[in-house]
Amino acid sequence: MQKRKVPLRQCMGCNERKPKKELVRVVKNKEGEISLDLKGRSPGRGAYVCHSLDCLAKAQKSKRFERVFECKIPEEVYELMQQELRDDG
Protein backbone atom coordinates (compact mmCIF):
# COMPACT_ATOMS: atom_id res chain seq x y z
CA MET A 1 0.00 0.00 0.00
CA GLN A 2 1.33 3.41 -1.00
CA LYS A 3 1.44 6.27 1.50
CA ARG A 4 -0.37 9.43 0.42
CA LYS A 5 1.84 12.41 -0.29
CA VAL A 6 1.32 15.34 2.08
CA PRO A 7 0.71 18.54 0.06
CA LEU A 8 3.30 21.19 0.90
CA ARG A 9 2.88 24.93 0.45
CA GLN A 10 5.30 27.82 0.92
CA CYS A 11 4.65 30.49 3.54
CA MET A 12 4.74 34.00 2.04
CA GLY A 13 6.33 35.33 5.25
CA CYS A 14 9.16 32.97 6.24
CA ASN A 15 9.48 31.14 2.88
CA GLU A 16 9.39 27.74 4.61
CA ARG A 17 7.61 24.83 2.94
CA LYS A 18 5.12 23.27 5.35
CA PRO A 19 2.18 20.86 5.17
CA LYS A 20 -0.85 22.66 3.75
CA LYS A 21 -2.91 21.95 6.91
CA GLU A 22 -0.46 23.95 9.07
CA LEU A 23 -0.87 27.12 7.00
CA VAL A 24 -3.64 29.67 6.53
CA ARG A 25 -4.82 30.38 2.97
CA VAL A 26 -5.19 33.95 1.79
CA VAL A 27 -7.53 34.14 -1.19
CA LYS A 28 -8.38 36.67 -3.89
CA ASN A 29 -11.85 36.03 -5.34
CA LYS A 30 -13.28 36.98 -8.75
CA GLU A 31 -14.42 40.35 -7.41
CA GLY A 32 -10.84 41.14 -6.37
CA GLU A 33 -11.55 40.94 -2.64
CA ILE A 34 -8.72 39.56 -0.51
CA SER A 35 -9.42 37.70 2.72
CA LEU A 36 -8.30 34.83 4.93
CA ASP A 37 -9.74 31.47 3.99
CA LEU A 38 -9.58 29.61 7.30
CA LYS A 39 -11.33 26.51 5.90
CA GLY A 40 -9.22 26.40 2.72
CA ARG A 41 -12.21 25.93 0.42
CA SER A 42 -13.02 29.37 -1.00
CA PRO A 43 -12.77 29.73 -4.78
CA GLY A 44 -10.09 32.02 -6.16
CA ARG A 45 -6.33 32.50 -6.30
CA GLY A 46 -4.66 31.37 -3.10
CA ALA A 47 -1.41 32.04 -1.27
CA TYR A 48 -0.37 30.70 2.11
CA VAL A 49 1.02 32.11 5.34
CA CYS A 50 1.96 30.53 8.70
CA HIS A 51 -0.52 30.83 11.54
CA SER A 52 1.56 33.66 13.03
CA LEU A 53 1.28 37.43 13.03
CA ASP A 54 5.06 37.64 12.44
CA CYS A 55 4.83 35.85 9.10
CA LEU A 56 1.85 37.95 8.05
CA ALA A 57 3.82 41.10 8.93
CA LYS A 58 6.87 39.88 6.94
CA ALA A 59 4.67 39.11 3.91
CA GLN A 60 3.06 42.56 4.20
CA LYS A 61 6.42 44.34 4.51
CA SER A 62 7.89 42.58 1.47
CA LYS A 63 4.60 43.02 -0.48
CA ARG A 64 4.54 39.28 -1.28
CA PHE A 65 0.72 39.09 -1.48
CA GLU A 66 0.61 42.16 -3.72
CA ARG A 67 3.00 40.44 -6.15
CA VAL A 68 1.15 37.11 -6.07
CA PHE A 69 -2.30 38.67 -6.52
CA GLU A 70 -1.04 41.44 -8.86
CA CYS A 71 -2.91 44.23 -7.09
CA LYS A 72 -2.51 46.84 -4.35
CA ILE A 73 -3.76 45.64 -0.98
CA PRO A 74 -5.17 48.33 1.35
CA GLU A 75 -3.92 48.57 4.95
CA GLU A 76 -7.44 47.76 6.25
CA VAL A 77 -7.31 44.32 4.59
CA TYR A 78 -4.08 43.49 6.43
CA GLU A 79 -5.59 44.73 9.70
CA LEU A 80 -8.64 42.52 9.14
CA MET A 81 -6.39 39.50 8.42
CA GLN A 82 -4.38 40.19 11.59
CA GLN A 83 -7.60 40.33 13.63
CA GLU A 84 -8.87 37.06 12.12
CA LEU A 85 -5.54 35.35 12.87
CA ARG A 86 -5.71 36.57 16.49
CA ASP A 87 -9.32 35.38 16.89
CA ASP A 88 -8.66 31.99 15.28
CA GLY A 89 -5.43 31.31 17.21
PDB file of N, CA and C in Angstrom:
ATOM      1  N   MET A   1       0.834  -1.192   0.000  1.00  0.00           N
ATOM      2  CA  MET A   1       0.000   0.000   0.000  1.00  0.00           C
ATOM      3  C   MET A   1       0.882   1.259   0.000  1.00  0.00           C
ATOM      4  N   GLN A   2       0.540   2.198  -0.856  1.00  0.00           N
ATOM      5  CA  GLN A   2       1.331   3.412  -0.995  1.00  0.00           C
ATOM      6  C   GLN A   2       0.829   4.489  -0.038  1.00  0.00           C
ATOM      7  N   LYS A   3       1.803   5.167   0.607  1.00  0.00           N
ATOM      8  CA  LYS A   3       1.438   6.268   1.501  1.00  0.00           C
ATOM      9  C   LYS A   3       1.070   7.493   0.679  1.00  0.00           C
ATOM     10  N   ARG A   4       0.034   8.212   1.124  1.00  0.00           N
ATOM     11  CA  ARG A   4      -0.365   9.428   0.421  1.00  0.00           C
ATOM     12  C   ARG A   4       0.649  10.534   0.656  1.00  0.00           C
ATOM     13  N   LYS A   5       0.908  11.299  -0.394  1.00  0.00           N
ATOM     14  CA  LYS A   5       1.836  12.412  -0.294  1.00  0.00           C
ATOM     15  C   LYS A   5       1.151  13.580   0.423  1.00  0.00           C
ATOM     16  N   VAL A   6       1.865  14.182   1.359  1.00  0.00           N
ATOM     17  CA  VAL A   6       1.321  15.341   2.079  1.00  0.00           C
ATOM     18  C   VAL A   6       1.567  16.579   1.227  1.00  0.00           C
ATOM     19  N   PRO A   7       0.494  17.338   0.880  1.00  0.00           N
ATOM     20  CA  PRO A   7       0.705  18.536   0.060  1.00  0.00           C
ATOM     21  C   PRO A   7       1.446  19.619   0.846  1.00  0.00           C
ATOM     22  N   LEU A   8       2.515  20.137   0.266  1.00  0.00           N
ATOM     23  CA  LEU A   8       3.301  21.190   0.900  1.00  0.00           C
ATOM     24  C   LEU A   8       3.020  22.516   0.212  1.00  0.00           C
ATOM     25  N   ARG A   9       3.038  23.591   0.992  1.00  0.00           N
ATOM     26  CA  ARG A   9       2.877  24.935   0.449  1.00  0.00           C
ATOM     27  C   ARG A   9       3.934  25.826   1.099  1.00  0.00           C
ATOM     28  N   GLN A  10       4.277  26.909   0.414  1.00  0.00           N
ATOM     29  CA  GLN A  10       5.295  27.818   0.922  1.00  0.00           C
ATOM     30  C   GLN A  10       4.648  29.020   1.604  1.00  0.00           C
ATOM     31  N   CYS A  11       5.136  29.323   2.802  1.00  0.00           N
ATOM     32  CA  CYS A  11       4.649  30.495   3.544  1.00  0.00           C
ATOM     33  C   CYS A  11       5.191  31.754   2.875  1.00  0.00           C
ATOM     34  N   MET A  12       4.332  32.745   2.673  1.00  0.00           N
ATOM     35  CA  MET A  12       4.738  34.004   2.044  1.00  0.00           C
ATOM     36  C   MET A  12       5.581  34.863   2.987  1.00  0.00           C
ATOM     37  N   GLY A  13       5.558  34.539   4.291  1.00  0.00           N
ATOM     38  CA  GLY A  13       6.327  35.328   5.255  1.00  0.00           C
ATOM     39  C   GLY A  13       7.736  34.804   5.460  1.00  0.00           C
ATOM     40  N   CYS A  14       7.847  33.536   5.891  1.00  0.00           N
ATOM     41  CA  CYS A  14       9.160  32.973   6.237  1.00  0.00           C
ATOM     42  C   CYS A  14       9.771  32.142   5.112  1.00  0.00           C
ATOM     43  N   ASN A  15       9.022  31.918   4.038  1.00  0.00           N
ATOM     44  CA  ASN A  15       9.477  31.138   2.876  1.00  0.00           C
ATOM     45  C   ASN A  15       9.703  29.659   3.166  1.00  0.00           C
ATOM     46  N   GLU A  16       9.234  29.164   4.301  1.00  0.00           N
ATOM     47  CA  GLU A  16       9.388  27.739   4.608  1.00  0.00           C
ATOM     48  C   GLU A  16       8.271  26.940   3.956  1.00  0.00           C
ATOM     49  N   ARG A  17       8.621  25.729   3.495  1.00  0.00           N
ATOM     50  CA  ARG A  17       7.612  24.830   2.945  1.00  0.00           C
ATOM     51  C   ARG A  17       7.076  23.985   4.086  1.00  0.00           C
ATOM     52  N   LYS A  18       5.764  23.995   4.252  1.00  0.00           N
ATOM     53  CA  LYS A  18       5.119  23.268   5.349  1.00  0.00           C
ATOM     54  C   LYS A  18       3.907  22.534   4.816  1.00  0.00           C
ATOM     55  N   PRO A  19       3.436  21.524   5.577  1.00  0.00           N
ATOM     56  CA  PRO A  19       2.183  20.861   5.172  1.00  0.00           C
ATOM     57  C   PRO A  19       1.049  21.877   5.073  1.00  0.00           C
ATOM     58  N   LYS A  20       0.241  21.733   4.032  1.00  0.00           N
ATOM     59  CA  LYS A  20      -0.853  22.663   3.749  1.00  0.00           C
ATOM     60  C   LYS A  20      -1.755  22.893   4.964  1.00  0.00           C
ATOM     61  N   LYS A  21      -2.008  21.846   5.752  1.00  0.00           N
ATOM     62  CA  LYS A  21      -2.914  21.950   6.908  1.00  0.00           C
ATOM     63  C   LYS A  21      -2.379  22.870   8.005  1.00  0.00           C
ATOM     64  N   GLU A  22      -1.060  23.091   8.045  1.00  0.00           N
ATOM     65  CA  GLU A  22      -0.462  23.950   9.074  1.00  0.00           C
ATOM     66  C   GLU A  22      -0.509  25.434   8.711  1.00  0.00           C
ATOM     67  N   LEU A  23      -0.879  25.741   7.469  1.00  0.00           N
ATOM     68  CA  LEU A  23      -0.865  27.120   6.996  1.00  0.00           C
ATOM     69  C   LEU A  23      -2.278  27.680   6.832  1.00  0.00           C
ATOM     70  N   VAL A  24      -2.370  28.994   6.762  1.00  0.00           N
ATOM     71  CA  VAL A  24      -3.644  29.675   6.529  1.00  0.00           C
ATOM     72  C   VAL A  24      -3.627  30.168   5.080  1.00  0.00           C
ATOM     73  N   ARG A  25      -4.724  29.955   4.372  1.00  0.00           N
ATOM     74  CA  ARG A  25      -4.818  30.378   2.975  1.00  0.00           C
ATOM     75  C   ARG A  25      -5.354  31.800   2.901  1.00  0.00           C
ATOM     76  N   VAL A  26      -4.707  32.606   2.088  1.00  0.00           N
ATOM     77  CA  VAL A  26      -5.187  33.953   1.790  1.00  0.00           C
ATOM     78  C   VAL A  26      -5.694  33.871   0.364  1.00  0.00           C
ATOM     79  N   VAL A  27      -6.917  34.329   0.129  1.00  0.00           N
ATOM     80  CA  VAL A  27      -7.532  34.142  -1.188  1.00  0.00           C
ATOM     81  C   VAL A  27      -7.986  35.464  -1.804  1.00  0.00           C
ATOM     82  N   LYS A  28      -7.845  35.536  -3.138  1.00  0.00           N
ATOM     83  CA  LYS A  28      -8.382  36.672  -3.893  1.00  0.00           C
ATOM     84  C   LYS A  28      -9.481  36.107  -4.780  1.00  0.00           C
ATOM     85  N   ASN A  29     -10.721  36.569  -4.563  1.00  0.00           N
ATOM     86  CA  ASN A  29     -11.846  36.029  -5.343  1.00  0.00           C
ATOM     87  C   ASN A  29     -12.026  36.786  -6.660  1.00  0.00           C
ATOM     88  N   LYS A  30     -13.038  36.371  -7.432  1.00  0.00           N
ATOM     89  CA  LYS A  30     -13.281  36.976  -8.754  1.00  0.00           C
ATOM     90  C   LYS A  30     -13.529  38.478  -8.678  1.00  0.00           C
ATOM     91  N   GLU A  31     -14.121  38.917  -7.566  1.00  0.00           N
ATOM     92  CA  GLU A  31     -14.424  40.351  -7.406  1.00  0.00           C
ATOM     93  C   GLU A  31     -13.178  41.155  -7.016  1.00  0.00           C
ATOM     94  N   GLY A  32     -12.074  40.454  -6.752  1.00  0.00           N
ATOM     95  CA  GLY A  32     -10.839  41.135  -6.369  1.00  0.00           C
ATOM     96  C   GLY A  32     -10.707  41.363  -4.876  1.00  0.00           C
ATOM     97  N   GLU A  33     -11.620  40.783  -4.090  1.00  0.00           N
ATOM     98  CA  GLU A  33     -11.550  40.938  -2.637  1.00  0.00           C
ATOM     99  C   GLU A  33     -10.542  39.947  -2.072  1.00  0.00           C
ATOM    100  N   ILE A  34      -9.739  40.417  -1.123  1.00  0.00           N
ATOM    101  CA  ILE A  34      -8.724  39.562  -0.513  1.00  0.00           C
ATOM    102  C   ILE A  34      -9.103  39.315   0.938  1.00  0.00           C
ATOM    103  N   SER A  35      -9.048  38.043   1.346  1.00  0.00           N
ATOM    104  CA  SER A  35      -9.422  37.696   2.719  1.00  0.00           C
ATOM    105  C   SER A  35      -8.742  36.400   3.134  1.00  0.00           C
ATOM    106  N   LEU A  36      -8.806  36.108   4.431  1.00  0.00           N
ATOM    107  CA  LEU A  36      -8.303  34.826   4.935  1.00  0.00           C
ATOM    108  C   LEU A  36      -9.343  33.759   4.653  1.00  0.00           C
ATOM    109  N   ASP A  37      -8.873  32.610   4.250  1.00  0.00           N
ATOM    110  CA  ASP A  37      -9.743  31.470   3.992  1.00  0.00           C
ATOM    111  C   ASP A  37      -9.368  30.408   5.021  1.00  0.00           C
ATOM    112  N   LEU A  38      -9.967  30.488   6.200  1.00  0.00           N
ATOM    113  CA  LEU A  38      -9.582  29.605   7.301  1.00  0.00           C
ATOM    114  C   LEU A  38      -9.940  28.142   7.049  1.00  0.00           C
ATOM    115  N   LYS A  39     -10.934  27.896   6.209  1.00  0.00           N
ATOM    116  CA  LYS A  39     -11.331  26.515   5.904  1.00  0.00           C
ATOM    117  C   LYS A  39     -10.580  25.956   4.694  1.00  0.00           C
ATOM    118  N   GLY A  40      -9.985  26.837   3.879  1.00  0.00           N
ATOM    119  CA  GLY A  40      -9.217  26.404   2.720  1.00  0.00           C
ATOM    120  C   GLY A  40     -10.063  25.949   1.544  1.00  0.00           C
ATOM    121  N   ARG A  41     -11.311  26.399   1.468  1.00  0.00           N
ATOM    122  CA  ARG A  41     -12.206  25.933   0.422  1.00  0.00           C
ATOM    123  C   ARG A  41     -12.770  27.028  -0.492  1.00  0.00           C
ATOM    124  N   SER A  42     -12.463  28.279  -0.183  1.00  0.00           N
ATOM    125  CA  SER A  42     -13.019  29.371  -0.995  1.00  0.00           C
ATOM    126  C   SER A  42     -12.443  29.361  -2.405  1.00  0.00           C
ATOM    127  N   PRO A  43     -13.280  29.680  -3.408  1.00  0.00           N
ATOM    128  CA  PRO A  43     -12.765  29.735  -4.779  1.00  0.00           C
ATOM    129  C   PRO A  43     -11.907  30.979  -4.983  1.00  0.00           C
ATOM    130  N   GLY A  44     -10.933  30.877  -5.854  1.00  0.00           N
ATOM    131  CA  GLY A  44     -10.086  32.017  -6.158  1.00  0.00           C
ATOM    132  C   GLY A  44      -8.617  31.676  -6.057  1.00  0.00           C
ATOM    133  N   ARG A  45      -7.786  32.654  -6.335  1.00  0.00           N
ATOM    134  CA  ARG A  45      -6.334  32.497  -6.299  1.00  0.00           C
ATOM    135  C   ARG A  45      -5.889  32.469  -4.851  1.00  0.00           C
ATOM    136  N   GLY A  46      -5.069  31.497  -4.491  1.00  0.00           N
ATOM    137  CA  GLY A  46      -4.657  31.371  -3.100  1.00  0.00           C
ATOM    138  C   GLY A  46      -3.167  31.519  -2.906  1.00  0.00           C
ATOM    139  N   ALA A  47      -2.798  31.991  -1.721  1.00  0.00           N
ATOM    140  CA  ALA A  47      -1.413  32.043  -1.267  1.00  0.00           C
ATOM    141  C   ALA A  47      -1.459  31.673   0.210  1.00  0.00           C
ATOM    142  N   TYR A  48      -0.350  31.224   0.745  1.00  0.00           N
ATOM    143  CA  TYR A  48      -0.370  30.699   2.111  1.00  0.00           C
ATOM    144  C   TYR A  48       0.567  31.462   3.031  1.00  0.00           C
ATOM    145  N   VAL A  49       0.194  31.466   4.318  1.00  0.00           N
ATOM    146  CA  VAL A  49       1.015  32.107   5.339  1.00  0.00           C
ATOM    147  C   VAL A  49       0.903  31.280   6.619  1.00  0.00           C
ATOM    148  N   CYS A  50       1.984  31.257   7.417  1.00  0.00           N
ATOM    149  CA  CYS A  50       1.957  30.535   8.697  1.00  0.00           C
ATOM    150  C   CYS A  50       0.882  31.130   9.593  1.00  0.00           C
ATOM    151  N   HIS A  51       0.510  30.376  10.596  1.00  0.00           N
ATOM    152  CA  HIS A  51      -0.517  30.826  11.541  1.00  0.00           C
ATOM    153  C   HIS A  51       0.108  31.766  12.565  1.00  0.00           C
ATOM    154  N   SER A  52       0.911  32.746  12.098  1.00  0.00           N
ATOM    155  CA  SER A  52       1.559  33.665  13.027  1.00  0.00           C
ATOM    156  C   SER A  52       1.497  35.088  12.488  1.00  0.00           C
ATOM    157  N   LEU A  53       1.347  36.019  13.409  1.00  0.00           N
ATOM    158  CA  LEU A  53       1.282  37.429  13.028  1.00  0.00           C
ATOM    159  C   LEU A  53       2.619  37.902  12.473  1.00  0.00           C
ATOM    160  N   ASP A  54       3.735  37.281  12.940  1.00  0.00           N
ATOM    161  CA  ASP A  54       5.062  37.643  12.438  1.00  0.00           C
ATOM    162  C   ASP A  54       5.179  37.385  10.943  1.00  0.00           C
ATOM    163  N   CYS A  55       4.745  36.189  10.519  1.00  0.00           N
ATOM    164  CA  CYS A  55       4.835  35.845   9.097  1.00  0.00           C
ATOM    165  C   CYS A  55       3.928  36.741   8.258  1.00  0.00           C
ATOM    166  N   LEU A  56       2.754  37.060   8.777  1.00  0.00           N
ATOM    167  CA  LEU A  56       1.850  37.954   8.049  1.00  0.00           C
ATOM    168  C   LEU A  56       2.500  39.330   7.900  1.00  0.00           C
ATOM    169  N   ALA A  57       3.146  39.802   8.965  1.00  0.00           N
ATOM    170  CA  ALA A  57       3.821  41.104   8.926  1.00  0.00           C
ATOM    171  C   ALA A  57       4.976  41.095   7.928  1.00  0.00           C
ATOM    172  N   LYS A  58       5.753  39.997   7.890  1.00  0.00           N
ATOM    173  CA  LYS A  58       6.866  39.883   6.936  1.00  0.00           C
ATOM    174  C   LYS A  58       6.344  39.896   5.503  1.00  0.00           C
ATOM    175  N   ALA A  59       5.257  39.164   5.256  1.00  0.00           N
ATOM    176  CA  ALA A  59       4.673  39.114   3.913  1.00  0.00           C
ATOM    177  C   ALA A  59       4.153  40.492   3.504  1.00  0.00           C
ATOM    178  N   GLN A  60       3.586  41.214   4.470  1.00  0.00           N
ATOM    179  CA  GLN A  60       3.063  42.560   4.198  1.00  0.00           C
ATOM    180  C   GLN A  60       4.219  43.511   3.879  1.00  0.00           C
ATOM    181  N   LYS A  61       5.283  43.437   4.683  1.00  0.00           N
ATOM    182  CA  LYS A  61       6.422  44.335   4.514  1.00  0.00           C
ATOM    183  C   LYS A  61       7.096  44.133   3.160  1.00  0.00           C
ATOM    184  N   SER A  62       7.218  42.874   2.739  1.00  0.00           N
ATOM    185  CA  SER A  62       7.888  42.579   1.471  1.00  0.00           C
ATOM    186  C   SER A  62       6.933  42.608   0.275  1.00  0.00           C
ATOM    187  N   LYS A  63       5.652  42.928   0.551  1.00  0.00           N
ATOM    188  CA  LYS A  63       4.605  43.020  -0.482  1.00  0.00           C
ATOM    189  C   LYS A  63       4.457  41.720  -1.277  1.00  0.00           C
ATOM    190  N   ARG A  64       4.626  40.584  -0.606  1.00  0.00           N
ATOM    191  CA  ARG A  64       4.541  39.284  -1.282  1.00  0.00           C
ATOM    192  C   ARG A  64       3.136  39.017  -1.828  1.00  0.00           C
ATOM    193  N   PHE A  65       2.100  39.328  -1.020  1.00  0.00           N
ATOM    194  CA  PHE A  65       0.724  39.085  -1.479  1.00  0.00           C
ATOM    195  C   PHE A  65       0.381  39.988  -2.663  1.00  0.00           C
ATOM    196  N   GLU A  66       0.888  41.226  -2.631  1.00  0.00           N
ATOM    197  CA  GLU A  66       0.606  42.159  -3.724  1.00  0.00           C
ATOM    198  C   GLU A  66       1.201  41.640  -5.030  1.00  0.00           C
ATOM    199  N   ARG A  67       2.374  41.005  -4.960  1.00  0.00           N
ATOM    200  CA  ARG A  67       2.998  40.439  -6.154  1.00  0.00           C
ATOM    201  C   ARG A  67       2.240  39.206  -6.636  1.00  0.00           C
ATOM    202  N   VAL A  68       1.865  38.343  -5.709  1.00  0.00           N
ATOM    203  CA  VAL A  68       1.151  37.113  -6.070  1.00  0.00           C
ATOM    204  C   VAL A  68      -0.211  37.433  -6.685  1.00  0.00           C
ATOM    205  N   PHE A  69      -0.943  38.350  -6.061  1.00  0.00           N
ATOM    206  CA  PHE A  69      -2.296  38.674  -6.522  1.00  0.00           C
ATOM    207  C   PHE A  69      -2.323  39.785  -7.575  1.00  0.00           C
ATOM    208  N   GLU A  70      -1.164  40.378  -7.854  1.00  0.00           N
ATOM    209  CA  GLU A  70      -1.038  41.441  -8.860  1.00  0.00           C
ATOM    210  C   GLU A  70      -1.997  42.597  -8.638  1.00  0.00           C
ATOM    211  N   CYS A  71      -2.079  43.064  -7.400  1.00  0.00           N
ATOM    212  CA  CYS A  71      -2.910  44.231  -7.091  1.00  0.00           C
ATOM    213  C   CYS A  71      -2.427  44.881  -5.797  1.00  0.00           C
ATOM    214  N   LYS A  72      -2.840  46.120  -5.587  1.00  0.00           N
ATOM    215  CA  LYS A  72      -2.510  46.841  -4.352  1.00  0.00           C
ATOM    216  C   LYS A  72      -3.464  46.380  -3.258  1.00  0.00           C
ATOM    217  N   ILE A  73      -2.917  46.094  -2.086  1.00  0.00           N
ATOM    218  CA  ILE A  73      -3.759  45.640  -0.977  1.00  0.00           C
ATOM    219  C   ILE A  73      -3.821  46.746   0.082  1.00  0.00           C
ATOM    220  N   PRO A  74      -5.032  47.247   0.359  1.00  0.00           N
ATOM    221  CA  PRO A  74      -5.175  48.326   1.351  1.00  0.00           C
ATOM    222  C   PRO A  74      -4.778  47.871   2.767  1.00  0.00           C
ATOM    223  N   GLU A  75      -4.338  48.820   3.556  1.00  0.00           N
ATOM    224  CA  GLU A  75      -3.919  48.570   4.946  1.00  0.00           C
ATOM    225  C   GLU A  75      -5.039  47.903   5.753  1.00  0.00           C
ATOM    226  N   GLU A  76      -6.295  48.310   5.498  1.00  0.00           N
ATOM    227  CA  GLU A  76      -7.435  47.763   6.251  1.00  0.00           C
ATOM    228  C   GLU A  76      -7.559  46.249   6.062  1.00  0.00           C
ATOM    229  N   VAL A  77      -7.215  45.760   4.867  1.00  0.00           N
ATOM    230  CA  VAL A  77      -7.308  44.323   4.589  1.00  0.00           C
ATOM    231  C   VAL A  77      -6.305  43.569   5.455  1.00  0.00           C
ATOM    232  N   TYR A  78      -5.085  44.119   5.575  1.00  0.00           N
ATOM    233  CA  TYR A  78      -4.080  43.486   6.429  1.00  0.00           C
ATOM    234  C   TYR A  78      -4.525  43.504   7.896  1.00  0.00           C
ATOM    235  N   GLU A  79      -5.113  44.628   8.317  1.00  0.00           N
ATOM    236  CA  GLU A  79      -5.591  44.733   9.702  1.00  0.00           C
ATOM    237  C   GLU A  79      -6.678  43.700   9.977  1.00  0.00           C
ATOM    238  N   LEU A  80      -7.573  43.511   9.015  1.00  0.00           N
ATOM    239  CA  LEU A  80      -8.635  42.515   9.135  1.00  0.00           C
ATOM    240  C   LEU A  80      -8.047  41.102   9.234  1.00  0.00           C
ATOM    241  N   MET A  81      -7.038  40.820   8.403  1.00  0.00           N
ATOM    242  CA  MET A  81      -6.391  39.502   8.424  1.00  0.00           C
ATOM    243  C   MET A  81      -5.687  39.266   9.762  1.00  0.00           C
ATOM    244  N   GLN A  82      -5.034  40.309  10.288  1.00  0.00           N
ATOM    245  CA  GLN A  82      -4.376  40.186  11.594  1.00  0.00           C
ATOM    246  C   GLN A  82      -5.393  39.869  12.682  1.00  0.00           C
ATOM    247  N   GLN A  83      -6.541  40.561  12.643  1.00  0.00           N
ATOM    248  CA  GLN A  83      -7.598  40.335  13.631  1.00  0.00           C
ATOM    249  C   GLN A  83      -8.133  38.907  13.532  1.00  0.00           C
ATOM    250  N   GLU A  84      -8.364  38.420  12.302  1.00  0.00           N
ATOM    251  CA  GLU A  84      -8.869  37.062  12.117  1.00  0.00           C
ATOM    252  C   GLU A  84      -7.862  36.032  12.623  1.00  0.00           C
ATOM    253  N   LEU A  85      -6.579  36.269  12.384  1.00  0.00           N
ATOM    254  CA  LEU A  85      -5.538  35.351  12.872  1.00  0.00           C
ATOM    255  C   LEU A  85      -5.528  35.307  14.399  1.00  0.00           C
ATOM    256  N   ARG A  86      -5.669  36.504  15.014  1.00  0.00           N
ATOM    257  CA  ARG A  86      -5.706  36.568  16.486  1.00  0.00           C
ATOM    258  C   ARG A  86      -6.922  35.800  17.030  1.00  0.00           C
ATOM    259  N   ASP A  87      -8.081  36.018  16.412  1.00  0.00           N
ATOM    260  CA  ASP A  87      -9.317  35.379  16.885  1.00  0.00           C
ATOM    261  C   ASP A  87      -9.279  33.878  16.700  1.00  0.00           C
ATOM    262  N   ASP A  88      -8.676  33.423  15.592  1.00  0.00           N
ATOM    263  CA  ASP A  88      -8.656  31.993  15.277  1.00  0.00           C
ATOM    264  C   ASP A  88      -7.623  31.245  16.118  1.00  0.00           C
ATOM    265  N   GLY A  89      -6.540  31.953  16.493  1.00  0.00           N
ATOM    266  CA  GLY A  89      -5.429  31.313  17.208  1.00  0.00           C
ATOM    267  C   GLY A  89      -5.822  30.906  18.560  1.00  0.00           C
TER     268      GLY A  89
END
